[in-house]
Amino acid sequence: QVQLVESGGGTVQPGGSLRLSCTTSGFNLEDYAIGWFRQAPGKEREGVSCMRGQDNSVYYRDSVKGRFTISRDNAKNTVYLQMHSPEPEDPADYSCAADITGALCVVDYYRTWGQGAQVTVSS
């Protein structure tokens, strides 16, 4: 059974850092694209960063380029999202998801989702 579990959410200070983890089970990370998505209240879910296991291709949405880094540890079956210097649009519920087709951050292709992790920014 394909499962994803997020952890590491919480409150980050302006200028600070936070790392989200997505621990997976039931499938081989190298066969899937794993994506980080977020949804803020009243807004649509959007792709933040995705990594394709088949060829290590990576996508970042423009607003997080240079601040967020996606990485993968195959031995731990875990995908990470390192966040630096949060900005006003970053607080949201962050979810990781898996896609067998390899599409990078196309929300509708991602069929299996974790439960989400809340990220807030506060000084």
C-alpha atoms as a PDB file:
ATOM      1  CA  GLN A   1       0.000   0.000   0.000  1.00  0.00           C
ATOM      2  CA  VAL A   2       1.397   3.369  -1.027  1.00  0.00           C
ATOM      3  CA  GLN A   3       1.596   5.726   1.933  1.00  0.00           C
ATOM      4  CA  LEU A   4       3.120   9.121   2.619  1.00  0.00           C
ATOM      5  CA  VAL A   5       3.494  10.757   6.016  1.00  0.00           C
ATOM      6  CA  GLU A   6       4.617  14.344   6.479  1.00  0.00           C
ATOM      7  CA  SER A   7       6.472  15.630   9.507  1.00  0.00           C
ATOM      8  CA  GLY A   8       8.407  18.702  10.538  1.00  0.00           C
ATOM      9  CA  GLY A   9       5.691  21.276  10.238  1.00  0.00           C
ATOM     10  CA  GLY A  10       5.444  24.064  12.770  1.00  0.00           C
ATOM     11  CA  THR A  11       6.204  27.717  13.277  1.00  0.00           C
ATOM     12  CA  VAL A  12       9.192  29.348  11.690  1.00  0.00           C
ATOM     13  CA  GLN A  13      10.458  32.824  12.378  1.00  0.00           C
ATOM     14  CA  PRO A  14      11.009  35.323   9.591  1.00  0.00           C
ATOM     15  CA  GLY A  15      14.490  34.690   8.271  1.00  0.00           C
ATOM     16  CA  GLY A  16      14.510  31.234   9.794  1.00  0.00           C
ATOM     17  CA  SER A  17      14.479  27.731   8.388  1.00  0.00           C
ATOM     18  CA  LEU A  18      12.262  24.704   8.564  1.00  0.00           C
ATOM     19  CA  ARG A  19      12.569  21.262   7.050  1.00  0.00           C
ATOM     20  CA  LEU A  20       9.600  19.137   6.103  1.00  0.00           C
ATOM     21  CA  SER A  21       9.946  15.404   5.693  1.00  0.00           C
ATOM     22  CA  CYS A  22       7.811  13.043   3.644  1.00  0.00           C
ATOM     23  CA  THR A  23       8.349   9.446   4.661  1.00  0.00           C
ATOM     24  CA  THR A  24       7.049   7.009   2.108  1.00  0.00           C
ATOM     25  CA  SER A  25       6.255   3.312   2.083  1.00  0.00           C
ATOM     26  CA  GLY A  26       4.868   0.755  -0.274  1.00  0.00           C
ATOM     27  CA  PHE A  27       6.729   1.851  -3.371  1.00  0.00           C
ATOM     28  CA  ASN A  28      10.140   2.607  -4.814  1.00  0.00           C
ATOM     29  CA  LEU A  29      10.950   6.311  -4.747  1.00  0.00           C
ATOM     30  CA  GLU A  30      12.913   6.009  -7.968  1.00  0.00           C
ATOM     31  CA  ASP A  31       9.754   4.976  -9.837  1.00  0.00           C
ATOM     32  CA  TYR A  32       7.666   7.988  -8.823  1.00  0.00           C
ATOM     33  CA  ALA A  33       7.607  11.735  -8.865  1.00  0.00           C
ATOM     34  CA  ILE A  34       7.186  13.141  -5.375  1.00  0.00           C
ATOM     35  CA  GLY A  35       5.812  16.596  -4.955  1.00  0.00           C
ATOM     36  CA  TRP A  36       5.328  19.138  -2.223  1.00  0.00           C
ATOM     37  CA  PHE A  37       2.121  21.115  -2.509  1.00  0.00           C
ATOM     38  CA  ARG A  38       0.573  23.732  -0.301  1.00  0.00           C
ATOM     39  CA  GLN A  39      -2.817  25.213   0.300  1.00  0.00           C
ATOM     40  CA  ALA A  40      -3.523  28.361   2.229  1.00  0.00           C
ATOM     41  CA  PRO A  41      -7.015  29.217   3.507  1.00  0.00           C
ATOM     42  CA  GLY A  42      -9.219  30.401   0.676  1.00  0.00           C
ATOM     43  CA  LYS A  43      -6.692  29.538  -1.995  1.00  0.00           C
ATOM     44  CA  GLU A  44      -6.222  26.684  -4.400  1.00  0.00           C
ATOM     45  CA  ARG A  45      -3.640  24.007  -3.851  1.00  0.00           C
ATOM     46  CA  GLU A  46      -0.418  24.809  -5.658  1.00  0.00           C
ATOM     47  CA  GLY A  47       2.732  22.931  -6.486  1.00  0.00           C
ATOM     48  CA  VAL A  48       5.755  24.111  -4.540  1.00  0.00           C
ATOM     49  CA  SER A  49       8.500  21.722  -5.570  1.00  0.00           C
ATOM     50  CA  CYS A  50       8.601  18.311  -7.159  1.00  0.00           C
ATOM     51  CA  MET A  51      11.243  15.739  -7.952  1.00  0.00           C
ATOM     52  CA  ARG A  52      10.980  12.983 -10.488  1.00  0.00           C
ATOM     53  CA  GLY A  53      12.532   9.767  -9.286  1.00  0.00           C
ATOM     54  CA  GLN A  54      13.046   8.426 -12.798  1.00  0.00           C
ATOM     55  CA  ASP A  55      15.605  11.061 -13.801  1.00  0.00           C
ATOM     56  CA  ASN A  56      15.982  13.402 -10.785  1.00  0.00           C
ATOM     57  CA  SER A  57      14.343  16.287 -12.637  1.00  0.00           C
ATOM     58  CA  VAL A  58      13.265  19.025 -10.256  1.00  0.00           C
ATOM     59  CA  TYR A  59      10.659  21.767 -10.395  1.00  0.00           C
ATOM     60  CA  TYR A  60      10.310  24.816  -8.164  1.00  0.00           C
ATOM     61  CA  ARG A  61       7.603  27.399  -8.375  1.00  0.00           C
ATOM     62  CA  ASP A  62       9.101  30.802  -9.073  1.00  0.00           C
ATOM     63  CA  SER A  63       8.326  32.294  -5.673  1.00  0.00           C
ATOM     64  CA  VAL A  64      10.380  29.688  -3.812  1.00  0.00           C
ATOM     65  CA  LYS A  65      13.387  29.438  -6.112  1.00  0.00           C
ATOM     66  CA  GLY A  66      16.571  30.092  -4.186  1.00  0.00           C
ATOM     67  CA  ARG A  67      14.799  29.652  -0.841  1.00  0.00           C
ATOM     68  CA  PHE A  68      13.446  26.097  -0.890  1.00  0.00           C
ATOM     69  CA  THR A  69      15.325  22.910  -1.695  1.00  0.00           C
ATOM     70  CA  ILE A  70      13.845  19.504  -2.397  1.00  0.00           C
ATOM     71  CA  SER A  71      15.968  16.421  -1.795  1.00  0.00           C
ATOM     72  CA  ARG A  72      15.575  12.700  -1.492  1.00  0.00           C
ATOM     73  CA  ASP A  73      17.131   9.942   0.612  1.00  0.00           C
ATOM     74  CA  ASN A  74      16.329   6.654  -1.060  1.00  0.00           C
ATOM     75  CA  ALA A  75      17.741   4.620   1.809  1.00  0.00           C
ATOM     76  CA  LYS A  76      15.267   6.271   4.178  1.00  0.00           C
ATOM     77  CA  ASN A  77      12.422   6.396   1.629  1.00  0.00           C
ATOM     78  CA  THR A  78      12.098  10.059   2.493  1.00  0.00           C
ATOM     79  CA  VAL A  79      11.788  13.277   0.522  1.00  0.00           C
ATOM     80  CA  TYR A  80      12.605  16.582   2.186  1.00  0.00           C
ATOM     81  CA  LEU A  81      11.661  20.185   1.620  1.00  0.00           C
ATOM     82  CA  GLN A  82      14.106  22.604   3.182  1.00  0.00           C
ATOM     83  CA  MET A  83      12.606  26.044   3.580  1.00  0.00           C
ATOM     84  CA  HIS A  84      14.594  29.218   4.219  1.00  0.00           C
ATOM     85  CA  SER A  85      13.591  32.816   4.807  1.00  0.00           C
ATOM     86  CA  PRO A  86       9.829  32.392   4.690  1.00  0.00           C
ATOM     87  CA  GLU A  87       7.775  35.029   2.963  1.00  0.00           C
ATOM     88  CA  PRO A  88       4.154  36.081   3.505  1.00  0.00           C
ATOM     89  CA  GLU A  89       2.804  33.629   0.923  1.00  0.00           C
ATOM     90  CA  ASP A  90       4.544  30.617   2.475  1.00  0.00           C
ATOM     91  CA  PRO A  91       2.294  29.832   5.482  1.00  0.00           C
ATOM     92  CA  ALA A  92      -0.018  27.023   4.423  1.00  0.00           C
ATOM     93  CA  ASP A  93      -0.844  23.394   4.844  1.00  0.00           C
ATOM     94  CA  TYR A  94       1.932  21.490   3.084  1.00  0.00           C
ATOM     95  CA  SER A  95       1.328  18.044   1.678  1.00  0.00           C
ATOM     96  CA  CYS A  96       3.503  15.594  -0.162  1.00  0.00           C
ATOM     97  CA  ALA A  97       2.109  13.406  -2.888  1.00  0.00           C
ATOM     98  CA  ALA A  98       3.214  10.683  -5.276  1.00  0.00           C
ATOM     99  CA  ASP A  99       2.694  10.366  -9.014  1.00  0.00           C
ATOM    100  CA  ILE A 100       3.595   7.267 -11.017  1.00  0.00           C
ATOM    101  CA  THR A 101       3.498   9.104 -14.352  1.00  0.00           C
ATOM    102  CA  GLY A 102       6.412  11.370 -13.453  1.00  0.00           C
ATOM    103  CA  ALA A 103       4.594  14.646 -14.038  1.00  0.00           C
ATOM    104  CA  LEU A 104       6.282  17.489 -12.213  1.00  0.00           C
ATOM    105  CA  CYS A 105       3.872  19.327  -9.943  1.00  0.00           C
ATOM    106  CA  VAL A 106       0.739  18.861 -12.023  1.00  0.00           C
ATOM    107  CA  VAL A 107      -1.706  18.538  -9.147  1.00  0.00           C
ATOM    108  CA  ASP A 108      -4.264  16.376 -10.925  1.00  0.00           C
ATOM    109  CA  TYR A 109      -1.706  13.664 -11.673  1.00  0.00           C
ATOM    110  CA  TYR A 110      -0.896  13.068  -8.016  1.00  0.00           C
ATOM    111  CA  ARG A 111      -3.172  10.357  -6.681  1.00  0.00           C
ATOM    112  CA  THR A 112      -1.693   9.494  -3.310  1.00  0.00           C
ATOM    113  CA  TRP A 113      -1.385  12.163  -0.638  1.00  0.00           C
ATOM    114  CA  GLY A 114      -0.131  12.522   2.878  1.00  0.00           C
ATOM    115  CA  GLN A 115      -2.184  14.061   5.648  1.00  0.00           C
ATOM    116  CA  GLY A 116      -0.471  17.444   5.516  1.00  0.00           C
ATOM    117  CA  ALA A 117       1.713  19.515   7.807  1.00  0.00           C
ATOM    118  CA  GLN A 118       0.930  23.049   8.865  1.00  0.00           C
ATOM    119  CA  VAL A 119       3.567  25.738   8.423  1.00  0.00           C
ATOM    120  CA  THR A 120       3.130  29.124  10.042  1.00  0.00           C
ATOM    121  CA  VAL A 121       5.412  32.130  10.215  1.00  0.00           C
ATOM    122  CA  SER A 122       5.625  34.132  13.385  1.00  0.00           C
ATOM    123  CA  SER A 123       8.151  36.190  15.230  1.00  0.00           C
END
